[in-house]
């Protein structure tokens, strides 16, 4: 090889090595920021942290505690025009005097819709949403849809000026109507409509406030879908015949389960056999029937358990895998 070619070859090799070294330095500088970049980044982070801390110390903005007229008009749009209705005359700039939500609603109703007292439980239930959004974004009826609409219907009946009793004979007697319209039952959720419903029926049967509230709480949970069943009315009549009996919440719950089973039996019988009723029965005889029913349920569950164990042992025996059970350590 000529000397000039050898020199040129070495020169190109040195250039390639120098290029690779500089390339590596450049890539390294991109991956590892220099001191100035680190300081700038830390300064930015510190500035953001200081701003966040300052935001935390700021007082929250005041919420609109006095909604405008549009809010109340939309909220009570389900109430048809009443003999005292002034909603069409109110100025758009109107706002309630109080900051309290309860007082705001009552002020609007008494001033522009209906000047007389209304069962507040029904009002708060009517504010509950009738529909909920499912996972796919579709609207579905709320689990309390029926009771929300029932509360709205009853509010409409009260404000219409007509006789509430005549419009709702299928629900109430005259005495029950009185207690329903005048009682104040605490609002918990949309199911409070049923609590007020059963409370009024209990008070109309001369039961005291404490017992009536206990009955209303138990019945609104147990008879959620059967509140108009004749057996429920019969059960209330039975309780009213012995108000001095020492009722307890658990006892009422057990008897309610027994009543639900009798409802199912009456529905299946469909007139083929005499329907169960509380006519002529006493609370002690019904408690006895309830205990016998619970004992029968327990025996049936025990028989099913024994049958399942026997089937399990038989399957293991057929497969040659039967094992003896050591029950000495069982409680």
Protein backbone atom coordinates (compact mmCIF):
# COMPACT_ATOMS: atom_id res chain seq x y z
CA UNK A 1 0.00 0.00 0.00
CA UNK A 2 1.30 3.39 -0.88
CA UNK A 3 2.20 5.68 1.95
CA UNK A 4 -0.23 8.39 0.80
CA UNK A 5 -3.17 5.94 0.75
CA UNK A 6 -2.25 4.68 4.22
CA UNK A 7 -2.14 8.25 5.59
CA UNK A 8 -5.54 9.05 4.04
CA UNK A 9 -7.05 5.88 5.53
CA UNK A 10 -5.79 6.74 9.03
CA UNK A 11 -7.07 10.31 8.69
CA UNK A 12 -10.59 9.13 7.84
CA UNK A 13 -10.53 6.69 10.72
CA UNK A 14 -9.57 9.46 13.13
CA UNK A 15 -12.37 11.64 11.74
CA UNK A 16 -14.89 8.85 12.31
CA UNK A 17 -13.70 8.38 15.90
CA UNK A 18 -13.91 12.14 16.52
CA UNK A 19 -17.45 12.24 15.05
CA UNK A 20 -18.60 9.36 17.28
CA UNK A 21 -17.15 11.01 20.39
CA UNK A 22 -18.86 14.31 19.67
CA UNK A 23 -22.11 12.50 18.87
CA UNK A 24 -21.96 10.70 22.19
CA UNK A 25 -21.29 13.96 24.03
CA UNK A 26 -24.27 15.57 22.33
CA UNK A 27 -26.60 12.70 23.19
CA UNK A 28 -25.33 12.68 26.76
CA UNK A 29 -25.94 16.40 27.09
CA UNK A 30 -29.54 15.92 25.93
CA UNK A 31 -30.20 13.14 28.46
CA UNK A 32 -28.47 14.85 31.39
CA UNK A 33 -29.53 18.50 31.80
CA UNK A 34 -26.88 20.96 32.80
CA UNK A 35 -26.85 22.90 36.06
CA UNK A 36 -28.65 25.90 34.61
CA UNK A 37 -31.55 23.82 33.31
CA UNK A 38 -31.88 22.07 36.69
CA UNK A 39 -32.02 25.41 38.52
CA UNK A 40 -34.64 26.76 36.11
CA UNK A 41 -36.78 23.65 36.55
CA UNK A 42 -36.57 23.85 40.34
CA UNK A 43 -37.51 27.53 40.23
CA UNK A 44 -40.59 26.76 38.13
CA UNK A 45 -41.64 23.98 40.50
CA UNK A 46 -41.14 26.19 43.55
CA UNK A 47 -43.21 28.94 41.94
CA UNK A 48 -46.07 26.50 41.26
CA UNK A 49 -45.93 25.21 44.84
CA UNK A 50 -46.04 28.76 46.25
CA UNK A 51 -49.04 29.60 44.05
CA UNK A 52 -50.88 26.47 45.19
CA UNK A 53 -50.22 27.30 48.85
CA UNK A 54 -51.47 30.82 48.31
CA UNK A 55 -54.64 29.43 46.70
CA UNK A 56 -55.17 27.21 49.75
CA UNK A 57 -55.02 30.20 52.08
CA UNK A 58 -57.50 32.20 50.03
CA UNK A 59 -61.07 32.34 51.28
CA UNK A 60 -63.44 30.29 49.11
CA UNK A 61 -65.70 32.25 46.85
CA UNK A 62 -69.17 32.85 48.21
CA UNK A 63 -71.77 30.50 46.83
CA UNK A 64 -74.99 31.89 45.46
CA UNK A 65 -77.03 31.44 48.61
CA UNK A 66 -79.95 33.38 47.19
CA UNK A 67 -81.06 31.69 43.95
CA UNK A 68 -83.06 33.73 41.49
CA UNK A 69 -86.66 33.33 40.41
CA UNK A 70 -85.86 30.89 37.57
CA UNK A 71 -84.57 28.31 40.06
CA UNK A 72 -87.81 28.23 42.04
CA UNK A 73 -90.06 28.35 38.98
CA UNK A 74 -88.30 25.28 37.57
CA UNK A 75 -88.31 23.51 40.93
CA UNK A 76 -92.08 23.83 41.38
CA UNK A 77 -93.17 23.68 37.76
CA UNK A 78 -94.95 20.38 38.54
CA UNK A 79 -97.55 22.28 40.60
CA UNK A 80 -100.41 23.36 38.30
CA UNK A 81 -102.01 26.79 38.58
CA UNK A 82 -103.70 27.26 41.97
CA UNK A 83 -106.50 29.64 43.08
CA UNK A 84 -103.80 31.70 44.82
CA UNK A 85 -101.21 31.54 42.03
CA UNK A 86 -99.13 34.70 41.47
CA UNK A 87 -96.20 33.18 39.62
CA UNK A 88 -97.15 35.03 36.44
CA UNK A 89 -96.91 38.41 38.19
CA UNK A 90 -93.60 38.07 40.04
CA UNK A 91 -90.70 40.22 38.83
CA UNK A 92 -87.69 38.46 37.32
CA UNK A 93 -85.41 40.30 39.78
CA UNK A 94 -87.12 38.70 42.80
CA UNK A 95 -84.91 36.95 45.35
CA UNK A 96 -85.79 35.42 48.73
CA UNK A 97 -85.05 37.33 51.92
CA UNK A 98 -83.41 34.48 53.83
CA UNK A 99 -80.16 32.64 53.20
CA UNK A 100 -81.69 29.45 54.64
CA UNK A 101 -82.73 26.98 51.91
CA UNK A 102 -85.80 25.77 53.79
CA UNK A 103 -87.07 29.30 54.42
CA UNK A 104 -86.42 30.27 50.79
CA UNK A 105 -88.62 27.46 49.48
CA UNK A 106 -91.41 28.14 51.95
CA UNK A 107 -91.28 31.87 51.22
CA UNK A 108 -91.65 31.31 47.48
CA UNK A 109 -94.52 28.86 47.93
CA UNK A 110 -96.45 30.94 50.46
CA UNK A 111 -95.98 34.17 48.50
CA UNK A 112 -96.66 33.01 44.95
CA UNK A 113 -98.19 29.49 44.96
CA UNK A 114 -100.14 28.48 48.07
CA UNK A 115 -100.35 30.55 51.29
CA UNK A 116 -101.23 27.67 53.66
CA UNK A 117 -98.93 25.08 55.32
CA UNK A 118 -97.79 22.06 53.31
CA UNK A 119 -96.24 18.76 54.54
CA UNK A 120 -92.57 19.64 54.21
CA UNK A 121 -91.55 16.00 53.78
CA UNK A 122 -93.47 15.90 50.50
CA UNK A 123 -91.73 19.09 49.33
CA UNK A 124 -88.22 17.74 49.89
CA UNK A 125 -89.12 14.40 48.30
CA UNK A 126 -90.42 16.24 45.20
CA UNK A 127 -86.92 17.75 44.77
CA UNK A 128 -85.36 14.30 44.31
CA UNK A 129 -84.28 13.42 40.76
CA UNK A 130 -86.69 11.08 38.99
CA UNK A 131 -84.02 9.70 36.63
CA UNK A 132 -80.40 8.63 36.99
CA UNK A 133 -77.70 8.16 34.36
CA UNK A 134 -76.54 4.59 33.73
CA UNK A 135 -73.04 3.46 32.81
CA UNK A 136 -73.76 3.87 29.11
CA UNK A 137 -75.17 7.36 29.64
CA UNK A 138 -78.81 6.28 29.23
CA UNK A 139 -81.47 7.69 31.56
CA UNK A 140 -83.11 5.18 33.89
CA UNK A 141 -85.89 5.63 36.41
CA UNK A 142 -84.81 6.17 40.00
CA UNK A 143 -85.59 3.40 42.51
CA UNK A 144 -87.90 5.92 44.22
CA UNK A 145 -89.56 7.08 40.99
CA UNK A 146 -93.05 6.01 42.13
CA UNK A 147 -92.80 7.79 45.48
CA UNK A 148 -91.36 10.99 43.98
CA UNK A 149 -94.31 11.20 41.59
CA UNK A 150 -96.71 10.30 44.39
CA UNK A 151 -95.34 13.20 46.47
CA UNK A 152 -95.76 15.56 43.51
CA UNK A 153 -99.34 14.36 42.96
CA UNK A 154 -100.24 14.89 46.62
CA UNK A 155 -98.69 18.39 46.62
CA UNK A 156 -100.74 19.18 43.50
CA UNK A 157 -103.91 17.85 45.16
CA UNK A 158 -103.34 19.97 48.28
CA UNK A 159 -102.69 23.19 46.37
CA UNK A 160 -105.57 22.66 43.94
CA UNK A 161 -108.11 23.87 46.51
CA UNK A 162 -110.23 20.73 46.11
CA UNK A 163 -110.88 18.22 48.90
CA UNK A 164 -107.70 16.20 49.43
CA UNK A 165 -109.71 13.39 51.02
CA UNK A 166 -112.09 13.07 48.05
CA UNK A 167 -109.15 13.00 45.62
CA UNK A 168 -107.34 10.28 47.61
CA UNK A 169 -110.03 8.01 49.06
CA UNK A 170 -108.09 4.98 47.84
CA UNK A 171 -105.25 5.96 50.20
CA UNK A 172 -106.74 7.62 53.29
CA UNK A 173 -109.75 7.83 55.57
CA UNK A 174 -110.80 11.26 56.87
CA UNK A 175 -108.89 10.78 60.13
CA UNK A 176 -105.80 9.59 58.26
CA UNK A 177 -106.06 12.60 55.94
CA UNK A 178 -106.03 14.94 58.94
CA UNK A 179 -102.85 13.44 60.37
CA UNK A 180 -101.20 13.17 56.97
CA UNK A 181 -101.63 16.88 56.26
CA UNK A 182 -100.76 18.08 59.77
CA UNK A 183 -97.91 15.76 60.85
CA UNK A 184 -94.23 16.63 60.62
CA UNK A 185 -92.08 13.56 59.90
CA UNK A 186 -88.31 14.10 59.46
CA UNK A 187 -87.11 13.92 55.86
CA UNK A 188 -84.38 11.33 55.21
CA UNK A 189 -84.75 10.37 51.56
CA UNK A 190 -87.48 9.84 48.96
CA UNK A 191 -88.76 6.88 50.99
CA UNK A 192 -89.84 9.35 53.70
CA UNK A 193 -93.15 9.61 51.82
CA UNK A 194 -93.99 6.10 53.05
CA UNK A 195 -92.87 6.96 56.59
CA UNK A 196 -95.31 9.88 56.65
CA UNK A 197 -98.00 7.67 55.08
CA UNK A 198 -97.76 4.95 57.75
CA UNK A 199 -97.26 7.47 60.57
CA UNK A 200 -100.57 9.15 59.66
CA UNK A 201 -102.37 5.80 59.55
CA UNK A 202 -100.96 4.82 62.96
CA UNK A 203 -101.87 8.13 64.59
CA UNK A 204 -105.39 7.89 63.16
CA UNK A 205 -105.71 4.57 65.04
CA UNK A 206 -105.01 6.35 68.37
CA UNK A 207 -101.43 5.08 68.74
CA UNK A 208 -98.95 7.41 70.45
CA UNK A 209 -96.17 9.27 68.65
CA UNK A 210 -93.34 6.92 69.69
CA UNK A 211 -95.15 3.74 68.64
CA UNK A 212 -96.39 5.39 65.43
CA UNK A 213 -92.84 6.39 64.44
CA UNK A 214 -91.55 2.87 65.17
CA UNK A 215 -94.32 1.33 63.06
CA UNK A 216 -93.76 3.86 60.25
CA UNK A 217 -90.01 3.14 60.14
CA UNK A 218 -90.46 -0.65 60.06
CA UNK A 219 -93.38 -0.66 57.62
CA UNK A 220 -91.72 1.76 55.18
CA UNK A 221 -88.79 -0.70 54.91
CA UNK A 222 -90.73 -3.96 54.92
CA UNK A 223 -93.77 -3.01 52.83
CA UNK A 224 -91.97 -0.84 50.30
CA UNK A 225 -93.78 -2.51 47.39
CA UNK A 226 -96.95 -3.59 49.23
CA UNK A 227 -98.03 -0.49 51.14
CA UNK A 228 -101.62 -0.67 49.76
CA UNK A 229 -102.15 -4.38 50.53
CA UNK A 230 -105.19 -5.17 52.68
CA UNK A 231 -103.04 -7.29 55.01
CA UNK A 232 -100.99 -4.19 55.90
CA UNK A 233 -104.18 -2.39 56.92
CA UNK A 234 -105.24 -5.45 58.91
CA UNK A 235 -101.85 -5.55 60.64
CA UNK A 236 -102.24 -1.88 61.64
CA UNK A 237 -105.71 -2.59 63.01
CA UNK A 238 -104.29 -5.50 65.01
CA UNK A 239 -101.57 -3.30 66.54
CA UNK A 240 -104.13 -0.61 67.41
CA UNK A 241 -106.25 -3.18 69.31
CA UNK A 242 -103.41 -3.72 71.79
CA UNK A 243 -101.44 -0.45 72.02
CA UNK A 244 -100.30 -1.26 75.56
CA UNK A 245 -98.34 -4.33 74.39
CA UNK A 246 -94.57 -3.87 74.71
CA UNK A 247 -93.73 -3.70 71.01
CA UNK A 248 -90.10 -3.74 69.87
CA UNK A 249 -88.61 -2.92 66.49
CA UNK A 250 -87.23 -6.45 65.95
CA UNK A 251 -90.56 -7.99 66.91
CA UNK A 252 -92.41 -5.83 64.39
CA UNK A 253 -89.83 -6.76 61.75
CA UNK A 254 -90.31 -10.49 62.38
CA UNK A 255 -94.10 -10.22 62.20
CA UNK A 256 -93.77 -8.14 59.01
CA UNK A 257 -91.76 -10.95 57.41
CA UNK A 258 -94.55 -13.36 58.37
CA UNK A 259 -97.13 -10.96 56.85
CA UNK A 260 -95.12 -10.79 53.61
CA UNK A 261 -95.15 -14.60 53.40
CA UNK A 262 -98.93 -14.59 53.85
CA UNK A 263 -99.24 -12.00 51.08
CA UNK A 264 -97.41 -14.36 48.73
CA UNK A 265 -99.61 -17.28 49.81
CA UNK A 266 -102.80 -15.27 49.23
CA UNK A 267 -101.56 -14.26 45.80
CA UNK A 268 -100.74 -17.86 44.83
CA UNK A 269 -104.08 -19.15 46.16
CA UNK A 270 -105.96 -16.66 43.94
CA UNK A 271 -109.33 -17.50 45.52
CA UNK A 272 -108.76 -21.29 45.53
CA UNK A 273 -108.56 -21.32 49.34
CA UNK A 274 -109.55 -18.96 52.13
CA UNK A 275 -107.19 -16.00 52.30
CA UNK A 276 -105.30 -15.25 55.51
CA UNK A 277 -106.52 -12.20 57.44
CA UNK A 278 -106.10 -10.61 60.88
CA UNK A 279 -109.83 -10.50 61.56
CA UNK A 280 -110.63 -11.97 64.99
CA UNK A 281 -106.96 -12.51 65.89
CA UNK A 282 -105.01 -11.14 68.86
CA UNK A 283 -101.42 -9.96 68.94
CA UNK A 284 -100.38 -12.99 71.06
CA UNK A 285 -101.91 -15.47 68.60
CA UNK A 286 -100.18 -13.71 65.68
CA UNK A 287 -96.84 -13.78 67.54
CA UNK A 288 -97.37 -17.51 68.11
CA UNK A 289 -98.06 -18.03 64.39
CA UNK A 290 -94.98 -15.98 63.56
CA UNK A 291 -92.75 -18.07 65.84
CA UNK A 292 -94.12 -21.28 64.32
CA UNK A 293 -93.47 -19.91 60.81
CA UNK A 294 -89.90 -18.97 61.69
CA UNK A 295 -89.33 -22.42 63.22
CA UNK A 296 -90.72 -24.05 60.07
CA UNK A 297 -88.38 -21.95 57.93
CA UNK A 298 -85.47 -23.02 60.16
CA UNK A 299 -86.38 -26.71 59.89
CA UNK A 300 -86.68 -26.46 56.11
CA UNK A 301 -83.26 -24.79 55.89
CA UNK A 302 -81.76 -27.50 58.13
CA UNK A 303 -83.33 -30.26 56.00
CA UNK A 304 -81.92 -28.67 52.83
CA UNK A 305 -78.47 -28.48 54.44
CA UNK A 306 -78.57 -32.15 55.45
CA UNK A 307 -79.72 -33.12 51.95
CA UNK A 308 -76.87 -31.16 50.34
CA UNK A 309 -74.32 -32.83 52.65
CA UNK A 310 -75.74 -36.28 51.82
CA UNK A 311 -75.53 -35.55 48.09
CA UNK A 312 -71.96 -34.33 48.49
CA UNK A 313 -70.94 -37.49 50.38
CA UNK A 314 -72.64 -39.66 47.77
CA UNK A 315 -70.77 -37.93 44.93
CA UNK A 316 -67.45 -38.41 46.73
CA UNK A 317 -68.25 -42.06 47.42
CA UNK A 318 -69.03 -42.70 43.77
CA UNK A 319 -65.73 -41.13 42.76
CA UNK A 320 -63.82 -43.04 45.42
CA UNK A 321 -62.80 -39.85 47.21
CA UNK A 322 -64.93 -39.98 50.28
CA UNK A 323 -63.13 -38.52 53.29
CA UNK A 324 -64.08 -38.77 56.92
CA UNK A 325 -64.82 -35.44 58.59
CA UNK A 326 -63.11 -34.67 61.86
CA UNK A 327 -65.72 -32.73 63.84
CA UNK A 328 -63.89 -32.79 67.19
CA UNK A 329 -62.56 -29.23 66.73
CA UNK A 330 -65.89 -27.74 65.62
CA UNK A 331 -67.62 -25.31 67.97
